Amino acid sequence: MNKKLWSGLFTQPVDEGVAAYTASVHFDHRLWEVDIQGSLAHAHMLAQQGLLSPEELKQIQHGLEIVGQEIRQGEFTWRIELEDIHSNIEARLIELIGYSGKKLHTGRSRNDQVATDMRLWLVKELTHIQQLLRYLQLALVELARSHTETLMPGYTHLQVAQPISFAHHLLAYVEMFKRDEQRMQEIKARTNTLPLGSAALAGTSYPLDRKLVAQLLGMVDEEGGEQICQNSLDAVSDRDFIIEFCAAAGLCMVHISRFSEELVLWLNQNFAFIRLADKYVTGSSIMPQKKNPDVPELARGKTGRVVGHLMAMFTLMKAQPLAYNKDNQEDKEALFDTVDTLTTTLSIFGNLVKDGVSVNAHNMLEALRQGYPTATDLADYLVRKGIPFKDAHESVAKVVKLALEKGCGLEQLALPELQAIDGNIGSDVDEVLDLVSALKRRNSLGGTAPEQVKRQIEEHLFRLLA
């Protein structure tokens, strides 16, 4: 059974180096479960169409069950000379049940078979990724719920800008990961479409019931309607679903990388906004005082790896004529590694946020005070008194300059000093310069005021726990 499916025309065996170079079984064997799933659906349909007898169907079903058990128990021998997952499983099936096993390939090609396997496998992985994204979002929301009034600097250009709450900052990432979850759902809907029945490229003369196969494999829309690739050329050569996923995965990793960069900054002693539990940090081989944020640092690095796979997929497909080409074998390692990297990263970050972050509210507040964060509030205060914003801006700039010269905060300047710069400033300015009051005033929809943030948290919890 070492003969290849296509060996009948050939007079020489494939060179060993060529066989090793062109084989994919050392990485595509992870598709075994969906390959068997697709074969069972195909066999059932062939029997329904009279292309297999009931007895042949039973033999195939029994044989594939044995193959699945052997793989699951680590007893299956993967043969590089048989090239790929599909030929390995089919060859073993024929060893087990003989003549009936040879009939399983009726009406299909490895071209539409692998396209089906890849889609089935990715749909399952997308469901898992969505679950991990929801877990991470929920961990962020739960952490935010404890910090709706924990003041911290809101930055632009990494310079102190305005006061925000730590909860508001965390919810920004919840929004990002919510969009990632939505993108995964959209990609899953398009991926869950059946190529099987397209054969090599032109369809087949056998009377296949593709709708039945789609139903058996769950390739249906929300209303239960079958989702079937409508053009056989496109069906066997399309890898848009992989490119779409790699793009969404790359963007998700960019979001994780941004969060990672902030974790690294916040852990730095000059910030000291947070601490990470020891199980999420590592030590130094030479400096005993060090606790290194290896997890977020490595996530930043792995982001480049995932984005690189997207570029590889674009390059892989950019000049391919229709229909299937051997180039497409290169799609699997990029896809598999992207899935593996994204799922492990999401899983670790969900746990890290859930039980690994301790907040140093005092340091956040002290950092906020250093940057004159209520300067905009003072300008708005003057505008409400009828001063044009341009003039108010100039007056507040002079106030900040005075505070810089004196080495104090705006709230520490005496009222006469403020009035010497702008006579419109009155005794009610104290509330304007108060940090807690400044936070509460930003009560617009989507703002950082505790009232708004608490409403956002409840909405997120309702969505995530539904």
Protein backbone atom coordinates (compact mmCIF):
# COMPACT_ATOMS: atom_id res chain seq x y z
CA MET A 1 0.00 0.00 0.00
CA ASN A 2 2.97 2.32 -0.52
CA LYS A 3 1.74 3.06 -4.05
CA LYS A 4 0.56 6.58 -4.64
CA LEU A 5 -2.97 7.17 -5.85
CA TRP A 6 -1.64 8.59 -9.09
CA SER A 7 1.26 6.16 -9.75
CA GLY A 8 -0.29 4.24 -12.66
CA LEU A 9 1.20 6.48 -15.36
CA PHE A 10 4.73 6.56 -13.99
CA THR A 11 7.66 4.25 -14.71
CA GLN A 12 10.05 5.52 -12.02
CA PRO A 13 9.54 5.98 -8.32
CA VAL A 14 9.70 9.52 -6.98
CA ASP A 15 13.16 10.60 -5.91
CA GLU A 16 13.50 10.39 -2.11
CA GLY A 17 14.49 14.05 -1.86
CA VAL A 18 11.52 15.09 -3.98
CA ALA A 19 9.21 12.93 -1.88
CA ALA A 20 10.42 14.57 1.31
CA TYR A 21 10.26 18.05 -0.26
CA THR A 22 6.70 17.69 -1.53
CA ALA A 23 5.23 15.75 1.40
CA SER A 24 2.93 17.51 3.85
CA VAL A 25 1.90 14.69 6.17
CA HIS A 26 4.37 15.80 8.87
CA PHE A 27 2.22 18.90 9.44
CA ASP A 28 -1.19 18.28 7.87
CA HIS A 29 -1.82 15.12 9.92
CA ARG A 30 -3.53 17.41 12.43
CA LEU A 31 -6.45 17.52 9.99
CA TRP A 32 -7.18 13.82 10.52
CA GLU A 33 -10.40 14.29 12.47
CA VAL A 34 -12.05 16.60 9.94
CA ASP A 35 -10.72 14.48 7.08
CA ILE A 36 -12.55 11.48 8.48
CA GLN A 37 -15.61 13.63 9.18
CA GLY A 38 -15.67 14.79 5.55
CA SER A 39 -15.15 11.25 4.26
CA LEU A 40 -18.02 9.90 6.32
CA ALA A 41 -20.37 12.57 4.97
CA HIS A 42 -19.18 11.92 1.41
CA ALA A 43 -19.66 8.16 1.82
CA HIS A 44 -23.15 8.63 3.24
CA MET A 45 -24.07 10.78 0.27
CA LEU A 46 -22.58 8.27 -2.23
CA ALA A 47 -24.74 5.55 -0.69
CA GLN A 48 -27.84 7.75 -0.85
CA GLN A 49 -27.11 8.32 -4.56
CA GLY A 50 -26.65 4.60 -5.24
CA LEU A 51 -22.92 4.93 -5.84
CA LEU A 52 -22.15 2.75 -2.81
CA SER A 53 -24.12 -0.24 -1.60
CA PRO A 54 -25.39 -0.26 1.99
CA GLU A 55 -22.81 -2.93 2.82
CA GLU A 56 -19.97 -0.89 1.29
CA LEU A 57 -21.07 2.12 3.33
CA LYS A 58 -21.00 0.07 6.53
CA GLN A 59 -17.52 -1.22 5.71
CA ILE A 60 -16.24 2.29 5.05
CA GLN A 61 -17.81 3.60 8.24
CA HIS A 62 -16.31 0.77 10.27
CA GLY A 63 -12.92 1.14 8.63
CA LEU A 64 -12.78 4.90 9.24
CA GLU A 65 -13.77 4.30 12.86
CA ILE A 66 -10.77 1.99 13.27
CA VAL A 67 -8.48 4.52 11.57
CA GLY A 68 -9.70 7.23 13.92
CA GLN A 69 -9.08 5.02 16.95
CA GLU A 70 -5.56 4.20 15.75
CA ILE A 71 -4.72 7.87 15.29
CA ARG A 72 -6.25 8.86 18.60
CA GLN A 73 -4.28 6.16 20.43
CA GLY A 74 -1.00 6.96 18.67
CA GLU A 75 -0.92 3.61 16.85
CA PHE A 76 -1.24 4.96 13.30
CA THR A 77 1.86 4.91 11.08
CA TRP A 78 2.20 8.07 9.02
CA ARG A 79 4.01 7.33 5.75
CA ILE A 80 5.90 10.15 4.10
CA GLU A 81 5.83 8.29 0.76
CA LEU A 82 2.03 8.70 0.78
CA GLU A 83 2.50 12.47 0.78
CA ASP A 84 -0.39 13.77 2.86
CA ILE A 85 -3.07 13.14 5.45
CA HIS A 86 -5.69 12.21 2.85
CA SER A 87 -3.66 9.51 1.08
CA ASN A 88 -2.44 8.08 4.38
CA ILE A 89 -5.95 7.64 5.73
CA GLU A 90 -7.29 6.27 2.46
CA ALA A 91 -4.42 3.81 2.11
CA ARG A 92 -4.99 2.50 5.63
CA LEU A 93 -8.73 2.24 4.97
CA ILE A 94 -8.05 0.07 1.92
CA GLU A 95 -5.70 -2.10 3.98
CA LEU A 96 -8.50 -2.62 6.47
CA ILE A 97 -11.54 -3.19 4.25
CA GLY A 98 -10.13 -3.82 0.77
CA TYR A 99 -12.09 -3.15 -2.41
CA SER A 100 -14.82 -1.01 -0.80
CA GLY A 101 -12.24 1.45 0.46
CA LYS A 102 -11.16 2.22 -3.10
CA LYS A 103 -14.68 3.45 -3.90
CA LEU A 104 -14.63 6.22 -1.28
CA HIS A 105 -12.79 8.56 -3.62
CA THR A 106 -15.61 8.44 -6.17
CA GLY A 107 -16.66 11.95 -7.22
CA ARG A 108 -14.00 13.82 -5.29
CA SER A 109 -10.39 14.94 -5.67
CA ARG A 110 -7.76 15.74 -3.10
CA ASN A 111 -8.24 19.33 -4.30
CA ASP A 112 -11.80 19.68 -3.03
CA GLN A 113 -11.08 17.31 -0.15
CA VAL A 114 -8.29 19.43 1.33
CA ALA A 115 -10.28 22.63 0.80
CA THR A 116 -13.14 21.06 2.77
CA ASP A 117 -10.85 19.82 5.52
CA MET A 118 -9.24 23.21 5.94
CA ARG A 119 -12.60 24.94 6.22
CA LEU A 120 -13.99 22.42 8.69
CA TRP A 121 -10.86 22.65 10.84
CA LEU A 122 -10.76 26.45 10.81
CA VAL A 123 -14.46 26.77 11.72
CA LYS A 124 -13.83 24.73 14.88
CA GLU A 125 -10.76 26.80 15.73
CA LEU A 126 -12.65 30.05 15.15
CA THR A 127 -15.29 28.94 17.66
CA HIS A 128 -12.55 28.27 20.20
CA ILE A 129 -10.90 31.64 19.50
CA GLN A 130 -14.21 33.41 20.03
CA GLN A 131 -14.54 31.70 23.41
CA LEU A 132 -11.03 32.81 24.39
CA LEU A 133 -11.76 36.37 23.30
CA ARG A 134 -14.89 36.43 25.44
CA TYR A 135 -12.95 35.05 28.40
CA LEU A 136 -10.35 37.80 28.04
CA GLN A 137 -13.02 40.48 27.69
CA LEU A 138 -14.80 39.21 30.79
CA ALA A 139 -11.56 39.24 32.78
CA LEU A 140 -10.93 42.86 31.72
CA VAL A 141 -14.49 43.89 32.61
CA GLU A 142 -14.28 42.24 36.03
CA LEU A 143 -10.99 44.02 36.74
CA ALA A 144 -12.49 47.30 35.54
CA ARG A 145 -15.48 46.89 37.85
CA SER A 146 -13.16 47.36 40.85
CA HIS A 147 -11.57 50.53 39.47
CA THR A 148 -14.29 52.83 38.14
CA GLU A 149 -13.01 55.61 40.40
CA THR A 150 -9.30 54.75 40.38
CA LEU A 151 -7.67 57.82 38.85
CA MET A 152 -4.81 57.50 36.39
CA PRO A 153 -3.28 59.69 33.69
CA GLY A 154 -4.86 59.60 30.28
CA TYR A 155 -2.04 60.06 27.79
CA THR A 156 -1.55 61.48 24.35
CA HIS A 157 1.96 61.26 22.88
CA LEU A 158 2.70 59.39 26.14
CA GLN A 159 2.42 62.72 27.93
CA VAL A 160 -0.09 63.32 30.74
CA ALA A 161 -3.20 64.76 29.13
CA GLN A 162 -6.40 64.41 31.17
CA PRO A 163 -7.64 62.36 34.13
CA ILE A 164 -9.34 59.07 33.37
CA SER A 165 -10.21 56.02 35.43
CA PHE A 166 -8.27 52.79 35.20
CA ALA A 167 -11.56 51.08 34.41
CA HIS A 168 -12.11 53.35 31.41
CA HIS A 169 -8.64 52.47 30.13
CA LEU A 170 -9.31 48.74 30.45
CA LEU A 171 -12.65 49.02 28.67
CA ALA A 172 -10.87 50.45 25.63
CA TYR A 173 -9.28 47.03 25.20
CA VAL A 174 -12.62 45.33 25.74
CA GLU A 175 -13.92 47.28 22.73
CA MET A 176 -10.94 46.15 20.64
CA PHE A 177 -11.37 42.49 21.55
CA LYS A 178 -15.12 42.75 20.98
CA ARG A 179 -14.40 43.84 17.41
CA ASP A 180 -11.96 40.94 17.08
CA GLU A 181 -14.68 38.56 18.22
CA GLN A 182 -17.10 40.02 15.67
CA ARG A 183 -14.54 39.66 12.89
CA MET A 184 -13.99 36.00 13.79
CA GLN A 185 -17.75 35.42 13.58
CA GLU A 186 -17.96 37.03 10.15
CA ILE A 187 -15.02 34.97 8.89
CA LYS A 188 -16.52 31.80 10.34
CA ALA A 189 -19.76 32.40 8.43
CA ARG A 190 -17.87 32.71 5.13
CA THR A 191 -15.48 29.84 5.88
CA ASN A 192 -18.33 27.44 6.67
CA THR A 193 -19.03 26.82 2.97
CA LEU A 194 -18.72 23.47 1.18
CA PRO A 195 -16.19 22.91 -1.65
CA LEU A 196 -16.62 19.11 -1.70
CA GLY A 197 -18.19 17.97 -4.95
CA SER A 198 -16.15 20.36 -7.05
CA ALA A 199 -13.70 17.49 -7.70
CA ALA A 200 -10.39 18.51 -9.26
CA LEU A 201 -11.59 21.77 -10.81
CA ALA A 202 -14.58 21.28 -13.13
CA GLY A 203 -17.16 19.44 -11.06
CA THR A 204 -18.02 15.81 -11.71
CA SER A 205 -20.30 13.67 -13.87
CA TYR A 206 -21.44 11.65 -10.86
CA PRO A 207 -24.90 12.55 -9.50
CA LEU A 208 -23.67 13.98 -6.21
CA ASP A 209 -26.00 15.59 -3.68
CA ARG A 210 -23.86 18.46 -2.40
CA LYS A 211 -26.72 19.86 -0.34
CA LEU A 212 -26.90 16.66 1.66
CA VAL A 213 -23.15 16.77 2.35
CA ALA A 214 -23.40 20.40 3.45
CA GLN A 215 -26.18 19.48 5.89
CA LEU A 216 -24.22 16.52 7.25
CA LEU A 217 -21.14 18.67 7.82
CA GLY A 218 -23.08 21.57 9.35
CA MET A 219 -22.14 23.91 6.52
CA VAL A 220 -25.36 25.88 6.79
CA ASP A 221 -26.35 29.46 7.49
CA GLU A 222 -28.31 30.73 10.49
CA GLU A 223 -31.59 29.73 8.83
CA GLY A 224 -30.31 26.22 8.12
CA GLY A 225 -29.77 26.80 4.41
CA GLU A 226 -26.85 24.98 2.81
CA GLN A 227 -23.73 27.02 2.13
CA ILE A 228 -22.07 25.59 -0.97
CA CYS A 229 -19.24 26.92 -3.16
CA GLN A 230 -20.94 27.79 -6.44
CA ASN A 231 -17.96 27.72 -8.81
CA SER A 232 -15.79 24.61 -8.90
CA LEU A 233 -12.67 26.48 -10.06
CA ASP A 234 -12.93 28.95 -7.22
CA ALA A 235 -13.89 26.26 -4.71
CA VAL A 236 -10.65 24.29 -5.03
CA SER A 237 -8.27 27.24 -5.35
CA ASP A 238 -9.80 29.81 -3.00
CA ARG A 239 -7.79 30.60 0.11
CA ASP A 240 -9.48 33.91 0.92
CA PHE A 241 -10.83 32.44 4.13
CA ILE A 242 -7.29 31.76 5.35
CA ILE A 243 -6.09 35.23 4.37
CA GLU A 244 -9.09 36.80 6.08
CA PHE A 245 -8.40 34.83 9.23
CA CYS A 246 -4.68 35.67 9.21
CA ALA A 247 -5.58 39.35 8.81
CA ALA A 248 -8.04 39.22 11.71
CA ALA A 249 -5.57 37.26 13.81
CA GLY A 250 -2.83 39.77 13.02
CA LEU A 251 -5.06 42.64 14.10
CA CYS A 252 -6.02 40.82 17.29
CA MET A 253 -2.35 40.27 18.06
CA VAL A 254 -1.70 43.98 17.43
CA HIS A 255 -4.31 44.73 20.10
CA ILE A 256 -2.59 42.30 22.46
CA SER A 257 0.75 43.88 21.61
CA ARG A 258 -0.54 47.36 22.47
CA PHE A 259 -1.84 46.06 25.78
CA SER A 260 1.48 44.29 26.34
CA GLU A 261 3.43 47.49 25.80
CA GLU A 262 1.33 49.24 28.42
CA LEU A 263 1.79 46.38 30.87
CA VAL A 264 5.55 46.64 30.40
CA LEU A 265 5.43 50.40 30.99
CA TRP A 266 3.15 50.12 34.01
CA LEU A 267 5.44 47.49 35.55
CA ASN A 268 8.50 49.69 35.18
CA GLN A 269 9.60 51.11 38.53
CA ASN A 270 9.29 54.65 37.19
CA PHE A 271 5.58 54.00 36.67
CA ALA A 272 4.85 51.19 39.14
CA PHE A 273 1.14 51.36 38.31
CA ILE A 274 0.66 47.60 38.62
CA ARG A 275 2.29 44.41 39.82
CA LEU A 276 2.05 41.01 38.17
CA ALA A 277 1.78 37.81 40.16
CA ASP A 278 5.04 35.88 40.28
CA LYS A 279 3.63 33.09 38.11
CA TYR A 280 3.44 35.53 35.18
CA VAL A 281 7.00 36.94 35.43
CA THR A 282 10.51 35.52 35.31
CA GLY A 283 13.81 36.29 36.97
CA SER A 284 17.28 37.25 35.84
CA SER A 285 20.24 34.88 35.76
CA ILE A 286 22.57 37.59 37.08
CA MET A 287 20.45 40.32 38.74
CA PRO A 288 18.58 38.89 41.73
CA GLN A 289 16.31 41.93 42.14
CA LYS A 290 14.70 41.55 38.70
CA LYS A 291 11.16 40.45 37.86
CA ASN A 292 10.89 40.51 34.10
CA PRO A 293 7.60 40.85 32.15
CA ASP A 294 8.47 38.09 29.71
CA VAL A 295 4.85 37.24 28.86
CA PRO A 296 3.87 40.65 27.44
CA GLU A 297 7.31 41.08 25.87
CA LEU A 298 7.02 37.76 24.09
CA ALA A 299 3.49 38.60 22.95
CA ARG A 300 4.87 41.73 21.28
CA GLY A 301 7.39 39.56 19.46
CA LYS A 302 4.84 36.94 18.45
CA THR A 303 2.72 39.68 16.90
CA GLY A 304 5.38 40.09 14.23
CA ARG A 305 5.30 36.36 13.64
CA VAL A 306 1.54 36.34 13.04
CA VAL A 307 1.61 39.43 10.80
CA GLY A 308 4.42 37.72 8.88
CA HIS A 309 2.16 34.75 8.16
CA LEU A 310 -0.40 37.14 6.67
CA MET A 311 2.25 38.54 4.34
CA ALA A 312 3.28 34.99 3.43
CA MET A 313 -0.31 34.14 2.48
CA PHE A 314 -0.67 37.26 0.35
CA THR A 315 2.55 36.42 -1.45
CA LEU A 316 1.53 32.77 -1.84
CA MET A 317 -1.70 33.66 -3.65
CA LYS A 318 -0.73 36.78 -5.57
CA ALA A 319 0.28 35.14 -8.86
CA GLN A 320 -1.54 31.81 -8.90
CA PRO A 321 -3.51 30.96 -12.03
CA LEU A 322 -6.70 28.97 -11.63
CA ALA A 323 -7.25 26.37 -10.37
CA TYR A 324 -5.34 24.37 -7.73
CA ASN A 325 -1.54 24.60 -7.59
CA LYS A 326 0.94 22.81 -5.36
CA ASP A 327 1.88 26.23 -3.93
CA ASN A 328 -1.26 25.96 -1.83
CA GLN A 329 0.34 23.26 0.29
CA GLU A 330 2.25 26.14 1.89
CA ASP A 331 -0.95 27.60 3.33
CA LYS A 332 -1.18 25.06 6.14
CA GLU A 333 1.89 25.80 8.22
CA ALA A 334 1.13 29.52 8.16
CA LEU A 335 -2.48 28.87 9.18
CA PHE A 336 -1.65 26.29 11.84
CA ASP A 337 1.03 28.44 13.46
CA THR A 338 -1.23 31.50 13.40
CA VAL A 339 -3.99 29.58 15.17
CA ASP A 340 -1.57 28.09 17.69
CA THR A 341 0.07 31.43 18.46
CA LEU A 342 -3.20 33.31 18.79
CA THR A 343 -4.96 30.71 20.94
CA THR A 344 -2.07 30.26 23.38
CA THR A 345 -1.59 34.02 23.67
CA LEU A 346 -5.28 34.69 24.31
CA SER A 347 -5.47 31.91 26.86
CA ILE A 348 -2.46 33.18 28.82
CA PHE A 349 -3.62 36.81 28.74
CA GLY A 350 -7.11 35.88 29.90
CA ASN A 351 -5.64 34.17 32.95
CA LEU A 352 -3.09 36.93 33.53
CA VAL A 353 -5.79 39.60 33.65
CA LYS A 354 -8.14 37.42 35.71
CA ASP A 355 -5.79 36.67 38.60
CA GLY A 356 -2.41 38.23 37.93
CA VAL A 357 -2.81 42.04 38.05
CA SER A 358 -2.56 44.10 41.24
CA VAL A 359 -3.18 47.84 40.94
CA ASN A 360 -1.17 50.55 42.71
CA ALA A 361 -3.76 53.34 42.78
CA HIS A 362 -1.48 55.68 44.77
CA ASN A 363 1.22 55.68 42.10
CA MET A 364 -1.34 56.22 39.36
CA LEU A 365 -2.67 59.25 41.21
CA GLU A 366 0.78 60.67 41.84
CA ALA A 367 1.70 60.30 38.16
CA LEU A 368 -1.52 62.07 37.22
CA ARG A 369 -0.76 65.02 39.48
CA GLN A 370 2.59 65.61 37.81
CA GLY A 371 1.17 66.50 34.43
CA TYR A 372 -1.28 69.38 35.03
CA PRO A 373 -4.19 67.17 33.92
CA THR A 374 -6.90 69.75 34.73
CA ALA A 375 -5.53 72.41 32.40
CA THR A 376 -8.24 71.65 29.85
CA ASP A 377 -10.87 71.88 32.61
CA LEU A 378 -9.63 75.36 33.48
CA ALA A 379 -9.86 76.42 29.85
CA ASP A 380 -13.40 75.01 29.62
CA TYR A 381 -14.26 76.89 32.84
CA LEU A 382 -13.21 80.18 31.21
CA VAL A 383 -15.15 79.37 28.06
CA ARG A 384 -18.30 78.85 30.14
CA LYS A 385 -17.74 82.39 31.42
CA GLY A 386 -17.94 83.69 27.86
CA ILE A 387 -14.23 83.75 26.99
CA PRO A 388 -13.31 82.58 23.45
CA PHE A 389 -11.50 79.24 23.65
CA LYS A 390 -8.40 80.65 21.92
CA ASP A 391 -8.05 83.31 24.63
CA ALA A 392 -8.85 80.80 27.37
CA HIS A 393 -6.17 78.49 25.98
CA GLU A 394 -3.59 81.25 26.11
CA SER A 395 -4.50 82.21 29.69
CA VAL A 396 -4.26 78.62 30.90
CA ALA A 397 -0.89 78.21 29.20
CA LYS A 398 0.36 81.14 31.29
CA VAL A 399 -1.08 79.52 34.42
CA VAL A 400 0.76 76.28 33.62
CA LYS A 401 3.97 78.22 32.99
CA LEU A 402 3.67 79.85 36.41
CA ALA A 403 3.08 76.47 38.07
CA LEU A 404 6.15 75.09 36.30
CA GLU A 405 8.25 77.98 37.56
CA LYS A 406 7.03 77.44 41.11
CA GLY A 407 7.23 73.65 40.90
CA CYS A 408 3.67 73.11 42.07
CA GLY A 409 0.31 71.89 40.80
CA LEU A 410 -2.37 74.16 39.40
CA GLU A 411 -4.52 73.57 42.46
CA GLN A 412 -1.67 74.85 44.66
CA LEU A 413 -1.58 78.31 43.04
CA ALA A 414 -3.20 81.05 45.11
CA LEU A 415 -6.35 82.69 43.79
CA PRO A 416 -4.68 86.14 43.48
CA GLU A 417 -1.94 84.55 41.33
CA LEU A 418 -4.56 83.03 39.04
CA GLN A 419 -6.57 86.26 38.84
CA ALA A 420 -3.43 88.20 37.95
CA ILE A 421 -3.27 86.13 34.79
CA ASP A 422 -7.02 86.15 34.06
CA GLY A 423 -9.50 88.20 36.08
CA ASN A 424 -12.36 85.90 35.09
CA ILE A 425 -11.10 83.21 37.45
CA GLY A 426 -13.16 83.17 40.64
CA SER A 427 -13.18 81.34 43.94
CA ASP A 428 -15.20 78.52 42.38
CA VAL A 429 -12.06 77.42 40.50
CA ASP A 430 -11.13 74.97 43.27
CA GLU A 431 -13.75 72.48 42.15
CA VAL A 432 -12.63 72.89 38.56
CA LEU A 433 -9.08 71.88 39.45
CA ASP A 434 -10.13 68.95 41.66
CA LEU A 435 -9.21 65.65 40.01
CA VAL A 436 -12.23 63.67 41.19
CA SER A 437 -14.59 66.41 40.04
CA ALA A 438 -12.78 66.54 36.69
CA LEU A 439 -13.31 62.80 36.26
CA LYS A 440 -17.03 63.02 37.07
CA ARG A 441 -17.59 65.97 34.72
CA ARG A 442 -16.66 63.85 31.68
CA ASN A 443 -20.11 62.34 31.70
CA SER A 444 -20.76 62.31 27.97
CA LEU A 445 -21.73 59.02 26.31
CA GLY A 446 -18.59 56.90 26.18
CA GLY A 447 -16.74 59.18 28.59
CA THR A 448 -14.63 58.33 31.62
CA ALA A 449 -17.07 59.50 34.32
CA PRO A 450 -17.83 56.66 36.77
CA GLU A 451 -21.51 56.84 35.87
CA GLN A 452 -20.73 56.19 32.20
CA VAL A 453 -18.11 53.53 32.90
CA LYS A 454 -20.43 51.60 35.22
CA ARG A 455 -23.12 51.65 32.52
CA GLN A 456 -20.59 50.32 29.99
CA ILE A 457 -19.52 47.57 32.38
CA GLU A 458 -23.12 46.42 32.85
CA GLU A 459 -23.68 46.36 29.11
CA HIS A 460 -20.53 44.33 28.55
CA LEU A 461 -21.48 41.89 31.30
CA PHE A 462 -24.95 41.44 29.84
CA ARG A 463 -23.42 40.69 26.43
CA LEU A 464 -20.66 38.39 27.67
CA LEU A 465 -22.75 36.41 30.15
CA ALA A 466 -25.79 36.01 27.89
